[in-house]
PDB file of N, CA and C in Angstrom:
ATOM      1  N   UNK A   1      -0.528   6.623  -6.411  1.00  0.00           N
ATOM      2  CA  UNK A   1      -1.174   5.376  -6.838  1.00  0.00           C
ATOM      3  C   UNK A   1      -2.503   5.281  -6.118  1.00  0.00           C
ATOM      4  N   UNK A   2      -3.540   5.051  -6.987  1.00  0.00           N
ATOM      5  CA  UNK A   2      -4.891   5.005  -6.402  1.00  0.00           C
ATOM      6  C   UNK A   2      -5.286   3.520  -6.385  1.00  0.00           C
ATOM      7  N   UNK A   3      -5.535   2.878  -5.308  1.00  0.00           N
ATOM      8  CA  UNK A   3      -5.915   1.424  -5.196  1.00  0.00           C
ATOM      9  C   UNK A   3      -7.418   1.243  -5.365  1.00  0.00           C
ATOM     10  N   UNK A   4      -7.766   0.265  -6.041  1.00  0.00           N
ATOM     11  CA  UNK A   4      -9.140  -0.070  -6.236  1.00  0.00           C
ATOM     12  C   UNK A   4      -9.402  -1.273  -5.359  1.00  0.00           C
ATOM     13  N   UNK A   5      -9.657  -1.033  -4.095  1.00  0.00           N
ATOM     14  CA  UNK A   5      -9.981  -2.083  -3.097  1.00  0.00           C
ATOM     15  C   UNK A   5     -11.331  -1.666  -2.381  1.00  0.00           C
ATOM     16  N   UNK A   6     -12.243  -2.572  -2.240  1.00  0.00           N
ATOM     17  CA  UNK A   6     -13.428  -2.238  -1.478  1.00  0.00           C
ATOM     18  C   UNK A   6     -13.031  -2.204   0.011  1.00  0.00           C
ATOM     19  N   UNK A   7     -13.835  -1.528   0.815  1.00  0.00           N
ATOM     20  CA  UNK A   7     -13.517  -1.392   2.213  1.00  0.00           C
ATOM     21  C   UNK A   7     -14.045  -2.676   2.889  1.00  0.00           C
ATOM     22  N   UNK A   8     -12.976  -3.398   3.425  1.00  0.00           N
ATOM     23  CA  UNK A   8     -13.244  -4.686   4.070  1.00  0.00           C
ATOM     24  C   UNK A   8     -12.293  -4.730   5.379  1.00  0.00           C
ATOM     25  N   UNK A   9     -12.509  -5.677   6.251  1.00  0.00           N
ATOM     26  CA  UNK A   9     -11.685  -5.878   7.302  1.00  0.00           C
ATOM     27  C   UNK A   9     -10.426  -6.686   7.016  1.00  0.00           C
ATOM     28  N   UNK A  10     -10.536  -7.607   6.010  1.00  0.00           N
ATOM     29  CA  UNK A  10      -9.439  -8.428   5.626  1.00  0.00           C
ATOM     30  C   UNK A  10      -9.422  -8.544   4.103  1.00  0.00           C
ATOM     31  N   UNK A  11      -8.198  -8.686   3.551  1.00  0.00           N
ATOM     32  CA  UNK A  11      -7.999  -8.841   2.089  1.00  0.00           C
ATOM     33  C   UNK A  11      -7.083 -10.081   1.908  1.00  0.00           C
ATOM     34  N   UNK A  12      -7.474 -10.927   0.824  1.00  0.00           N
ATOM     35  CA  UNK A  12      -6.583 -11.928   0.479  1.00  0.00           C
ATOM     36  C   UNK A  12      -5.363 -11.511  -0.272  1.00  0.00           C
ATOM     37  N   UNK A  13      -4.275 -12.340  -0.322  1.00  0.00           N
ATOM     38  CA  UNK A  13      -3.097 -11.903  -1.003  1.00  0.00           C
ATOM     39  C   UNK A  13      -3.277 -11.697  -2.498  1.00  0.00           C
ATOM     40  N   UNK A  14      -4.066 -12.554  -3.152  1.00  0.00           N
ATOM     41  CA  UNK A  14      -4.401 -12.343  -4.569  1.00  0.00           C
ATOM     42  C   UNK A  14      -5.063 -10.966  -4.842  1.00  0.00           C
ATOM     43  N   UNK A  15      -6.080 -10.636  -4.032  1.00  0.00           N
ATOM     44  CA  UNK A  15      -6.656  -9.332  -4.156  1.00  0.00           C
ATOM     45  C   UNK A  15      -5.709  -8.198  -3.919  1.00  0.00           C
ATOM     46  N   UNK A  16      -4.826  -8.386  -3.079  1.00  0.00           N
ATOM     47  CA  UNK A  16      -3.867  -7.245  -2.724  1.00  0.00           C
ATOM     48  C   UNK A  16      -2.882  -7.119  -3.947  1.00  0.00           C
ATOM     49  N   UNK A  17      -2.328  -8.267  -4.410  1.00  0.00           N
ATOM     50  CA  UNK A  17      -1.410  -8.244  -5.532  1.00  0.00           C
ATOM     51  C   UNK A  17      -2.088  -7.526  -6.806  1.00  0.00           C
ATOM     52  N   UNK A  18      -3.324  -7.969  -7.055  1.00  0.00           N
ATOM     53  CA  UNK A  18      -4.043  -7.342  -8.196  1.00  0.00           C
ATOM     54  C   UNK A  18      -4.210  -5.809  -8.002  1.00  0.00           C
ATOM     55  N   UNK A  19      -4.421  -5.390  -6.790  1.00  0.00           N
ATOM     56  CA  UNK A  19      -4.647  -3.976  -6.577  1.00  0.00           C
ATOM     57  C   UNK A  19      -3.363  -3.236  -6.760  1.00  0.00           C
ATOM     58  N   UNK A  20      -2.301  -3.884  -6.421  1.00  0.00           N
ATOM     59  CA  UNK A  20      -0.950  -3.092  -6.675  1.00  0.00           C
ATOM     60  C   UNK A  20      -0.349  -3.421  -7.933  1.00  0.00           C
ATOM     61  N   UNK A  21      -0.970  -4.386  -8.709  1.00  0.00           N
ATOM     62  CA  UNK A  21      -0.417  -4.778 -10.113  1.00  0.00           C
ATOM     63  C   UNK A  21       0.866  -5.399  -9.948  1.00  0.00           C
ATOM     64  N   UNK A  22       1.132  -6.308  -8.945  1.00  0.00           N
ATOM     65  CA  UNK A  22       2.336  -6.917  -8.746  1.00  0.00           C
ATOM     66  C   UNK A  22       1.969  -8.378  -8.476  1.00  0.00           C
ATOM     67  N   UNK A  23       3.137  -9.312  -8.471  1.00  0.00           N
ATOM     68  CA  UNK A  23       2.901 -10.673  -8.178  1.00  0.00           C
ATOM     69  C   UNK A  23       2.710 -10.923  -6.686  1.00  0.00           C
ATOM     70  N   UNK A  24       2.062 -11.938  -6.413  1.00  0.00           N
ATOM     71  CA  UNK A  24       1.924 -12.356  -4.915  1.00  0.00           C
ATOM     72  C   UNK A  24       3.263 -12.588  -4.280  1.00  0.00           C
ATOM     73  N   UNK A  25       4.230 -13.040  -5.077  1.00  0.00           N
ATOM     74  CA  UNK A  25       5.562 -13.335  -4.581  1.00  0.00           C
ATOM     75  C   UNK A  25       6.169 -11.972  -3.958  1.00  0.00           C
ATOM     76  N   UNK A  26       5.919 -10.863  -4.672  1.00  0.00           N
ATOM     77  CA  UNK A  26       6.447  -9.644  -4.202  1.00  0.00           C
ATOM     78  C   UNK A  26       5.765  -9.232  -3.000  1.00  0.00           C
ATOM     79  N   UNK A  27       4.582  -9.442  -2.777  1.00  0.00           N
ATOM     80  CA  UNK A  27       3.842  -9.165  -1.482  1.00  0.00           C
ATOM     81  C   UNK A  27       4.456  -9.966  -0.324  1.00  0.00           C
ATOM     82  N   UNK A  28       4.600 -11.279  -0.721  1.00  0.00           N
ATOM     83  CA  UNK A  28       5.234 -12.175   0.452  1.00  0.00           C
ATOM     84  C   UNK A  28       6.696 -11.715   0.741  1.00  0.00           C
ATOM     85  N   UNK A  29       7.423 -11.237  -0.266  1.00  0.00           N
ATOM     86  CA  UNK A  29       8.818 -10.892  -0.044  1.00  0.00           C
ATOM     87  C   UNK A  29       8.746  -9.593   0.868  1.00  0.00           C
ATOM     88  N   UNK A  30       7.897  -8.638   0.492  1.00  0.00           N
ATOM     89  CA  UNK A  30       7.788  -7.443   1.280  1.00  0.00           C
ATOM     90  C   UNK A  30       7.337  -7.730   2.814  1.00  0.00           C
ATOM     91  N   UNK A  31       6.505  -8.783   2.864  1.00  0.00           N
ATOM     92  CA  UNK A  31       6.077  -9.155   4.223  1.00  0.00           C
ATOM     93  C   UNK A  31       7.319  -9.648   5.041  1.00  0.00           C
ATOM     94  N   UNK A  32       8.189 -10.381   4.385  1.00  0.00           N
ATOM     95  CA  UNK A  32       9.416 -10.868   5.097  1.00  0.00           C
ATOM     96  C   UNK A  32      10.442  -9.728   5.403  1.00  0.00           C
ATOM     97  N   UNK A  33      10.543  -8.829   4.428  1.00  0.00           N
ATOM     98  CA  UNK A  33      11.462  -7.785   4.643  1.00  0.00           C
ATOM     99  C   UNK A  33      11.061  -6.592   5.484  1.00  0.00           C
ATOM    100  N   UNK A  34       9.763  -6.323   5.610  1.00  0.00           N
ATOM    101  CA  UNK A  34       9.299  -5.145   6.392  1.00  0.00           C
ATOM    102  C   UNK A  34       8.422  -5.615   7.527  1.00  0.00           C
ATOM    103  N   UNK A  35       8.885  -5.455   8.711  1.00  0.00           N
ATOM    104  CA  UNK A  35       8.119  -5.919   9.928  1.00  0.00           C
ATOM    105  C   UNK A  35       6.802  -5.098  10.119  1.00  0.00           C
ATOM    106  N   UNK A  36       6.631  -4.083   9.373  1.00  0.00           N
ATOM    107  CA  UNK A  36       5.357  -3.360   9.620  1.00  0.00           C
ATOM    108  C   UNK A  36       4.186  -4.128   8.977  1.00  0.00           C
ATOM    109  N   UNK A  37       4.494  -5.045   8.057  1.00  0.00           N
ATOM    110  CA  UNK A  37       3.477  -5.916   7.382  1.00  0.00           C
ATOM    111  C   UNK A  37       3.310  -7.200   8.149  1.00  0.00           C
ATOM    112  N   UNK A  38       2.185  -7.326   8.786  1.00  0.00           N
ATOM    113  CA  UNK A  38       1.946  -8.528   9.661  1.00  0.00           C
ATOM    114  C   UNK A  38       0.543  -9.066   9.416  1.00  0.00           C
ATOM    115  N   UNK A  39       0.285  -9.719   8.205  1.00  0.00           N
ATOM    116  CA  UNK A  39      -1.068 -10.177   7.956  1.00  0.00           C
ATOM    117  C   UNK A  39      -1.396 -11.296   8.957  1.00  0.00           C
ATOM    118  N   UNK A  40      -2.622 -11.480   9.289  1.00  0.00           N
ATOM    119  CA  UNK A  40      -3.093 -12.574   9.975  1.00  0.00           C
ATOM    120  C   UNK A  40      -3.153 -13.801   9.083  1.00  0.00           C
ATOM    121  N   UNK A  41      -3.066 -14.954   9.677  1.00  0.00           N
ATOM    122  CA  UNK A  41      -3.209 -16.160   8.811  1.00  0.00           C
ATOM    123  C   UNK A  41      -4.272 -17.109   9.401  1.00  0.00           C
ATOM    124  N   UNK A  42      -5.069 -17.520   8.396  1.00  0.00           N
ATOM    125  CA  UNK A  42      -6.164 -18.417   8.909  1.00  0.00           C
ATOM    126  C   UNK A  42      -5.753 -19.865   9.101  1.00  0.00           C
ATOM    127  N   UNK A  43      -6.623 -20.804   9.518  1.00  0.00           N
ATOM    128  CA  UNK A  43      -6.186 -22.161   9.648  1.00  0.00           C
ATOM    129  C   UNK A  43      -5.554 -22.799   8.614  1.00  0.00           C
ATOM    130  N   UNK A  44      -5.841 -22.407   7.297  1.00  0.00           N
ATOM    131  CA  UNK A  44      -5.157 -22.966   6.139  1.00  0.00           C
ATOM    132  C   UNK A  44      -3.772 -22.300   5.944  1.00  0.00           C
ATOM    133  N   UNK A  45      -3.453 -21.321   6.605  1.00  0.00           N
ATOM    134  CA  UNK A  45      -2.243 -20.514   6.423  1.00  0.00           C
ATOM    135  C   UNK A  45      -2.386 -19.419   5.365  1.00  0.00           C
ATOM    136  N   UNK A  46      -3.637 -19.175   4.932  1.00  0.00           N
ATOM    137  CA  UNK A  46      -3.748 -18.080   3.978  1.00  0.00           C
ATOM    138  C   UNK A  46      -3.631 -16.707   4.651  1.00  0.00           C
ATOM    139  N   UNK A  47      -2.912 -15.779   3.957  1.00  0.00           N
ATOM    140  CA  UNK A  47      -2.735 -14.541   4.599  1.00  0.00           C
ATOM    141  C   UNK A  47      -4.032 -13.655   4.486  1.00  0.00           C
ATOM    142  N   UNK A  48      -4.391 -12.903   5.597  1.00  0.00           N
ATOM    143  CA  UNK A  48      -5.436 -11.949   5.610  1.00  0.00           C
ATOM    144  C   UNK A  48      -4.856 -10.556   5.998  1.00  0.00           C
ATOM    145  N   UNK A  49      -4.774  -9.735   4.918  1.00  0.00           N
ATOM    146  CA  UNK A  49      -4.177  -8.419   5.201  1.00  0.00           C
ATOM    147  C   UNK A  49      -5.215  -7.369   5.710  1.00  0.00           C
ATOM    148  N   UNK A  50      -4.925  -6.684   6.706  1.00  0.00           N
ATOM    149  CA  UNK A  50      -5.882  -5.680   7.317  1.00  0.00           C
ATOM    150  C   UNK A  50      -5.667  -4.342   6.546  1.00  0.00           C
ATOM    151  N   UNK A  51      -6.647  -3.412   6.721  1.00  0.00           N
ATOM    152  CA  UNK A  51      -6.401  -2.091   6.070  1.00  0.00           C
ATOM    153  C   UNK A  51      -5.147  -1.442   6.529  1.00  0.00           C
ATOM    154  N   UNK A  52      -4.644  -1.664   7.700  1.00  0.00           N
ATOM    155  CA  UNK A  52      -3.346  -1.132   8.207  1.00  0.00           C
ATOM    156  C   UNK A  52      -2.230  -1.658   7.325  1.00  0.00           C
ATOM    157  N   UNK A  53      -2.330  -3.018   7.048  1.00  0.00           N
ATOM    158  CA  UNK A  53      -1.294  -3.726   6.231  1.00  0.00           C
ATOM    159  C   UNK A  53      -1.270  -3.038   4.831  1.00  0.00           C
ATOM    160  N   UNK A  54      -2.468  -2.783   4.301  1.00  0.00           N
ATOM    161  CA  UNK A  54      -2.624  -2.179   2.951  1.00  0.00           C
ATOM    162  C   UNK A  54      -1.953  -0.737   2.989  1.00  0.00           C
ATOM    163  N   UNK A  55      -2.154   0.051   4.044  1.00  0.00           N
ATOM    164  CA  UNK A  55      -1.569   1.269   4.093  1.00  0.00           C
ATOM    165  C   UNK A  55      -0.085   1.244   4.125  1.00  0.00           C
ATOM    166  N   UNK A  56       0.522   0.248   4.869  1.00  0.00           N
ATOM    167  CA  UNK A  56       1.906   0.125   4.932  1.00  0.00           C
ATOM    168  C   UNK A  56       2.471  -0.353   3.572  1.00  0.00           C
ATOM    169  N   UNK A  57       1.699  -1.308   2.930  1.00  0.00           N
ATOM    170  CA  UNK A  57       2.148  -1.776   1.604  1.00  0.00           C
ATOM    171  C   UNK A  57       2.137  -0.582   0.614  1.00  0.00           C
ATOM    172  N   UNK A  58       1.108   0.249   0.748  1.00  0.00           N
ATOM    173  CA  UNK A  58       1.068   1.517  -0.161  1.00  0.00           C
ATOM    174  C   UNK A  58       2.279   2.350   0.098  1.00  0.00           C
ATOM    175  N   UNK A  59       2.613   2.565   1.328  1.00  0.00           N
ATOM    176  CA  UNK A  59       3.846   3.369   1.604  1.00  0.00           C
ATOM    177  C   UNK A  59       5.075   2.761   1.122  1.00  0.00           C
ATOM    178  N   UNK A  60       5.197   1.445   1.308  1.00  0.00           N
ATOM    179  CA  UNK A  60       6.401   0.668   0.732  1.00  0.00           C
ATOM    180  C   UNK A  60       6.430   0.824  -0.800  1.00  0.00           C
ATOM    181  N   UNK A  61       5.317   0.519  -1.450  1.00  0.00           N
ATOM    182  CA  UNK A  61       5.164   0.630  -2.866  1.00  0.00           C
ATOM    183  C   UNK A  61       5.659   2.072  -3.321  1.00  0.00           C
ATOM    184  N   UNK A  62       5.124   3.048  -2.624  1.00  0.00           N
ATOM    185  CA  UNK A  62       5.470   4.396  -2.930  1.00  0.00           C
ATOM    186  C   UNK A  62       7.014   4.679  -2.871  1.00  0.00           C
ATOM    187  N   UNK A  63       7.540   4.284  -1.749  1.00  0.00           N
ATOM    188  CA  UNK A  63       9.013   4.488  -1.650  1.00  0.00           C
ATOM    189  C   UNK A  63       9.897   3.730  -2.591  1.00  0.00           C
ATOM    190  N   UNK A  64       9.546   2.354  -2.817  1.00  0.00           N
ATOM    191  CA  UNK A  64      10.412   1.524  -3.611  1.00  0.00           C
ATOM    192  C   UNK A  64      10.111   1.738  -5.158  1.00  0.00           C
ATOM    193  N   UNK A  65       8.822   1.669  -5.484  1.00  0.00           N
ATOM    194  CA  UNK A  65       8.448   1.644  -6.832  1.00  0.00           C
ATOM    195  C   UNK A  65       8.305   3.081  -7.542  1.00  0.00           C
ATOM    196  N   UNK A  66       7.850   4.015  -6.737  1.00  0.00           N
ATOM    197  CA  UNK A  66       7.609   5.325  -7.270  1.00  0.00           C
ATOM    198  C   UNK A  66       8.737   6.343  -7.046  1.00  0.00           C
ATOM    199  N   UNK A  67       9.400   6.223  -5.927  1.00  0.00           N
ATOM    200  CA  UNK A  67      10.502   7.164  -5.509  1.00  0.00           C
ATOM    201  C   UNK A  67      11.910   6.473  -5.659  1.00  0.00           C
ATOM    202  N   UNK A  68      11.875   5.153  -6.058  1.00  0.00           N
ATOM    203  CA  UNK A  68      13.168   4.484  -6.328  1.00  0.00           C
ATOM    204  C   UNK A  68      14.156   4.207  -5.192  1.00  0.00           C
ATOM    205  N   UNK A  69      13.572   4.054  -4.006  1.00  0.00           N
ATOM    206  CA  UNK A  69      14.348   3.658  -2.875  1.00  0.00           C
ATOM    207  C   UNK A  69      14.855   2.217  -2.944  1.00  0.00           C
ATOM    208  N   UNK A  70      15.997   1.987  -2.419  1.00  0.00           N
ATOM    209  CA  UNK A  70      16.393   0.534  -2.255  1.00  0.00           C
ATOM    210  C   UNK A  70      15.504   0.042  -1.072  1.00  0.00           C
ATOM    211  N   UNK A  71      15.563  -1.319  -0.977  1.00  0.00           N
ATOM    212  CA  UNK A  71      14.855  -1.897   0.152  1.00  0.00           C
ATOM    213  C   UNK A  71      15.406  -1.335   1.547  1.00  0.00           C
ATOM    214  N   UNK A  72      16.737  -1.290   1.629  1.00  0.00           N
ATOM    215  CA  UNK A  72      17.380  -0.810   2.827  1.00  0.00           C
ATOM    216  C   UNK A  72      17.125   0.659   3.058  1.00  0.00           C
ATOM    217  N   UNK A  73      17.070   1.355   1.980  1.00  0.00           N
ATOM    218  CA  UNK A  73      16.759   2.839   2.106  1.00  0.00           C
ATOM    219  C   UNK A  73      15.306   2.982   2.540  1.00  0.00           C
ATOM    220  N   UNK A  74      14.424   2.159   2.016  1.00  0.00           N
ATOM    221  CA  UNK A  74      13.025   2.262   2.448  1.00  0.00           C
ATOM    222  C   UNK A  74      12.782   1.947   3.972  1.00  0.00           C
ATOM    223  N   UNK A  75      13.542   0.841   4.302  1.00  0.00           N
ATOM    224  CA  UNK A  75      13.496   0.495   5.785  1.00  0.00           C
ATOM    225  C   UNK A  75      14.007   1.560   6.629  1.00  0.00           C
ATOM    226  N   UNK A  76      15.115   2.186   6.297  1.00  0.00           N
ATOM    227  CA  UNK A  76      15.604   3.231   7.127  1.00  0.00           C
ATOM    228  C   UNK A  76      14.672   4.461   7.077  1.00  0.00           C
ATOM    229  N   UNK A  77      14.199   4.818   6.014  1.00  0.00           N
ATOM    230  CA  UNK A  77      13.240   5.930   5.841  1.00  0.00           C
ATOM    231  C   UNK A  77      12.014   5.692   6.782  1.00  0.00           C
ATOM    232  N   UNK A  78      11.470   4.475   6.615  1.00  0.00           N
ATOM    233  CA  UNK A  78      10.311   4.121   7.448  1.00  0.00           C
ATOM    234  C   UNK A  78      10.602   4.212   8.957  1.00  0.00           C
ATOM    235  N   UNK A  79      11.806   3.813   9.298  1.00  0.00           N
ATOM    236  CA  UNK A  79      12.195   3.705  10.703  1.00  0.00           C
ATOM    237  C   UNK A  79      12.453   5.187  11.265  1.00  0.00           C
ATOM    238  N   UNK A  80      13.146   5.984  10.485  1.00  0.00           N
ATOM    239  CA  UNK A  80      13.475   7.260  10.935  1.00  0.00           C
ATOM    240  C   UNK A  80      12.564   8.388  10.752  1.00  0.00           C
ATOM    241  N   UNK A  81      11.819   8.263   9.579  1.00  0.00           N
ATOM    242  CA  UNK A  81      10.967   9.437   9.252  1.00  0.00           C
ATOM    243  C   UNK A  81       9.539   8.988   8.949  1.00  0.00           C
ATOM    244  N   UNK A  82       9.142   7.817   9.643  1.00  0.00           N
ATOM    245  CA  UNK A  82       7.825   7.310   9.373  1.00  0.00           C
ATOM    246  C   UNK A  82       6.669   8.247   9.401  1.00  0.00           C
ATOM    247  N   UNK A  83       6.536   9.003  10.497  1.00  0.00           N
ATOM    248  CA  UNK A  83       5.400   9.903  10.686  1.00  0.00           C
ATOM    249  C   UNK A  83       5.380  10.963   9.583  1.00  0.00           C
ATOM    250  N   UNK A  84       6.435  11.541   9.299  1.00  0.00           N
ATOM    251  CA  UNK A  84       6.542  12.566   8.281  1.00  0.00           C
ATOM    252  C   UNK A  84       6.152  11.969   6.964  1.00  0.00           C
ATOM    253  N   UNK A  85       6.762  10.894   6.599  1.00  0.00           N
ATOM    254  CA  UNK A  85       6.523  10.331   5.319  1.00  0.00           C
ATOM    255  C   UNK A  85       5.063   9.894   5.230  1.00  0.00           C
ATOM    256  N   UNK A  86       4.473   9.299   6.326  1.00  0.00           N
ATOM    257  CA  UNK A  86       3.086   8.928   6.286  1.00  0.00           C
ATOM    258  C   UNK A  86       2.160  10.123   6.051  1.00  0.00           C
ATOM    259  N   UNK A  87       2.440  11.217   6.790  1.00  0.00           N
ATOM    260  CA  UNK A  87       1.632  12.448   6.610  1.00  0.00           C
ATOM    261  C   UNK A  87       1.702  12.997   5.306  1.00  0.00           C
ATOM    262  N   UNK A  88       2.907  13.015   4.600  1.00  0.00           N
ATOM    263  CA  UNK A  88       3.054  13.547   3.226  1.00  0.00           C
ATOM    264  C   UNK A  88       2.338  12.579   2.291  1.00  0.00           C
ATOM    265  N   UNK A  89       2.450  11.253   2.495  1.00  0.00           N
ATOM    266  CA  UNK A  89       1.813  10.233   1.618  1.00  0.00           C
ATOM    267  C   UNK A  89       0.323  10.388   1.696  1.00  0.00           C
ATOM    268  N   UNK A  90      -0.255  10.540   2.920  1.00  0.00           N
ATOM    269  CA  UNK A  90      -1.711  10.746   3.122  1.00  0.00           C
ATOM    270  C   UNK A  90      -2.227  11.929   2.390  1.00  0.00           C
ATOM    271  N   UNK A  91      -1.479  13.079   2.405  1.00  0.00           N
ATOM    272  CA  UNK A  91      -1.837  14.282   1.746  1.00  0.00           C
ATOM    273  C   UNK A  91      -1.898  14.079   0.206  1.00  0.00           C
ATOM    274  N   UNK A  92      -0.856  13.384  -0.321  1.00  0.00           N
ATOM    275  CA  UNK A  92      -0.804  13.018  -1.676  1.00  0.00           C
ATOM    276  C   UNK A  92      -1.913  12.206  -2.087  1.00  0.00           C
ATOM    277  N   UNK A  93      -2.288  11.219  -1.323  1.00  0.00           N
ATOM    278  CA  UNK A  93      -3.381  10.249  -1.597  1.00  0.00           C
ATOM    279  C   UNK A  93      -4.726  11.127  -1.690  1.00  0.00           C
ATOM    280  N   UNK A  94      -4.890  12.004  -0.657  1.00  0.00           N
ATOM    281  CA  UNK A  94      -6.104  12.825  -0.702  1.00  0.00           C
ATOM    282  C   UNK A  94      -6.303  13.613  -1.927  1.00  0.00           C
ATOM    283  N   UNK A  95      -5.143  14.245  -2.269  1.00  0.00           N
ATOM    284  CA  UNK A  95      -5.112  15.191  -3.439  1.00  0.00           C
ATOM    285  C   UNK A  95      -5.441  14.316  -4.774  1.00  0.00           C
ATOM    286  N   UNK A  96      -4.846  13.089  -4.812  1.00  0.00           N
ATOM    287  CA  UNK A  96      -5.134  12.232  -6.009  1.00  0.00           C
ATOM    288  C   UNK A  96      -6.667  11.926  -6.081  1.00  0.00           C
ATOM    289  N   UNK A  97      -7.236  11.642  -4.862  1.00  0.00           N
ATOM    290  CA  UNK A  97      -8.697  11.347  -4.942  1.00  0.00           C
ATOM    291  C   UNK A  97      -9.520  12.573  -5.322  1.00  0.00           C
ATOM    292  N   UNK A  98      -9.071  13.755  -4.796  1.00  0.00           N
ATOM    293  CA  UNK A  98      -9.771  14.993  -5.205  1.00  0.00           C
ATOM    294  C   UNK A  98      -9.649  15.194  -6.772  1.00  0.00           C
ATOM    295  N   UNK A  99      -8.428  14.979  -7.233  1.00  0.00           N
ATOM    296  CA  UNK A  99      -8.245  15.220  -8.671  1.00  0.00           C
ATOM    297  C   UNK A  99      -9.058  14.219  -9.486  1.00  0.00           C
ATOM    298  N   UNK A 100      -9.129  13.009  -9.069  1.00  0.00           N
ATOM    299  CA  UNK A 100      -9.928  11.957  -9.767  1.00  0.00           C
ATOM    300  C   UNK A 100     -11.446  12.374  -9.772  1.00  0.00           C
ATOM    301  N   UNK A 101     -11.875  12.900  -8.645  1.00  0.00           N
ATOM    302  CA  UNK A 101     -13.284  13.278  -8.579  1.00  0.00           C
ATOM    303  C   UNK A 101     -13.567  14.538  -9.476  1.00  0.00           C
ATOM    304  N   UNK A 102     -12.591  15.430  -9.442  1.00  0.00           N
ATOM    305  CA  UNK A 102     -12.683  16.645 -10.349  1.00  0.00           C
ATOM    306  C   UNK A 102     -12.703  16.270 -11.803  1.00  0.00           C
ATOM    307  N   UNK A 103     -11.809  15.288 -12.144  1.00  0.00           N
ATOM    308  CA  UNK A 103     -11.865  14.825 -13.572  1.00  0.00           C
ATOM    309  C   UNK A 103     -13.157  14.127 -13.896  1.00  0.00           C
ATOM    310  N   UNK A 104     -13.753  13.463 -12.968  1.00  0.00           N
ATOM    311  CA  UNK A 104     -14.997  12.722 -13.206  1.00  0.00           C
ATOM    312  C   UNK A 104     -16.140  13.798 -13.429  1.00  0.00           C
ATOM    313  N   UNK A 105     -16.118  14.797 -12.546  1.00  0.00           N
ATOM    314  CA  UNK A 105     -17.109  15.919 -12.729  1.00  0.00           C
ATOM    315  C   UNK A 105     -16.887  16.570 -14.073  1.00  0.00           C
ATOM    316  N   UNK A 106     -15.673  16.881 -14.396  1.00  0.00           N
ATOM    317  CA  UNK A 106     -15.419  17.620 -15.700  1.00  0.00           C
ATOM    318  C   UNK A 106     -16.030  16.746 -16.881  1.00  0.00           C
ATOM    319  N   UNK A 107     -15.775  15.455 -16.904  1.00  0.00           N
ATOM    320  CA  UNK A 107     -16.228  14.656 -17.980  1.00  0.00           C
ATOM    321  C   UNK A 107     -17.743  14.480 -18.054  1.00  0.00           C
ATOM    322  N   UNK A 108     -18.395  14.852 -16.934  1.00  0.00           N
ATOM    323  CA  UNK A 108     -19.914  14.898 -16.935  1.00  0.00           C
ATOM    324  C   UNK A 108     -20.492  16.221 -17.449  1.00  0.00           C
ATOM    325  N   UNK A 109     -19.602  17.186 -17.534  1.00  0.00           N
ATOM    326  CA  UNK A 109     -20.045  18.554 -18.057  1.00  0.00           C
ATOM    327  C   UNK A 109     -20.395  18.533 -19.555  1.00  0.00           C
TER     328      UNK A 109
END
């Protein structure tokens, strides 16, 4: 999954939900279920997700939506094999960015 998010310090929940193509309620649900997601809240109570939160959401999305893990399975996987999963996921993301760049270059030929 390649996210279309500009580089910023904080992202609103609507922006995050659109980037993942999910409802804001799912983002809030994952926030409750996974303690690795801890957005800051402003005075109005609006969530402000950091790039680290986005990375964790991408990993959860990958495990649950793309690999078919249950929530409990994803939690266990994150707890027990977090570093290995994160490394593999980062490699996949880099390869997807390279592929997108190559496709772009090919279309310009």
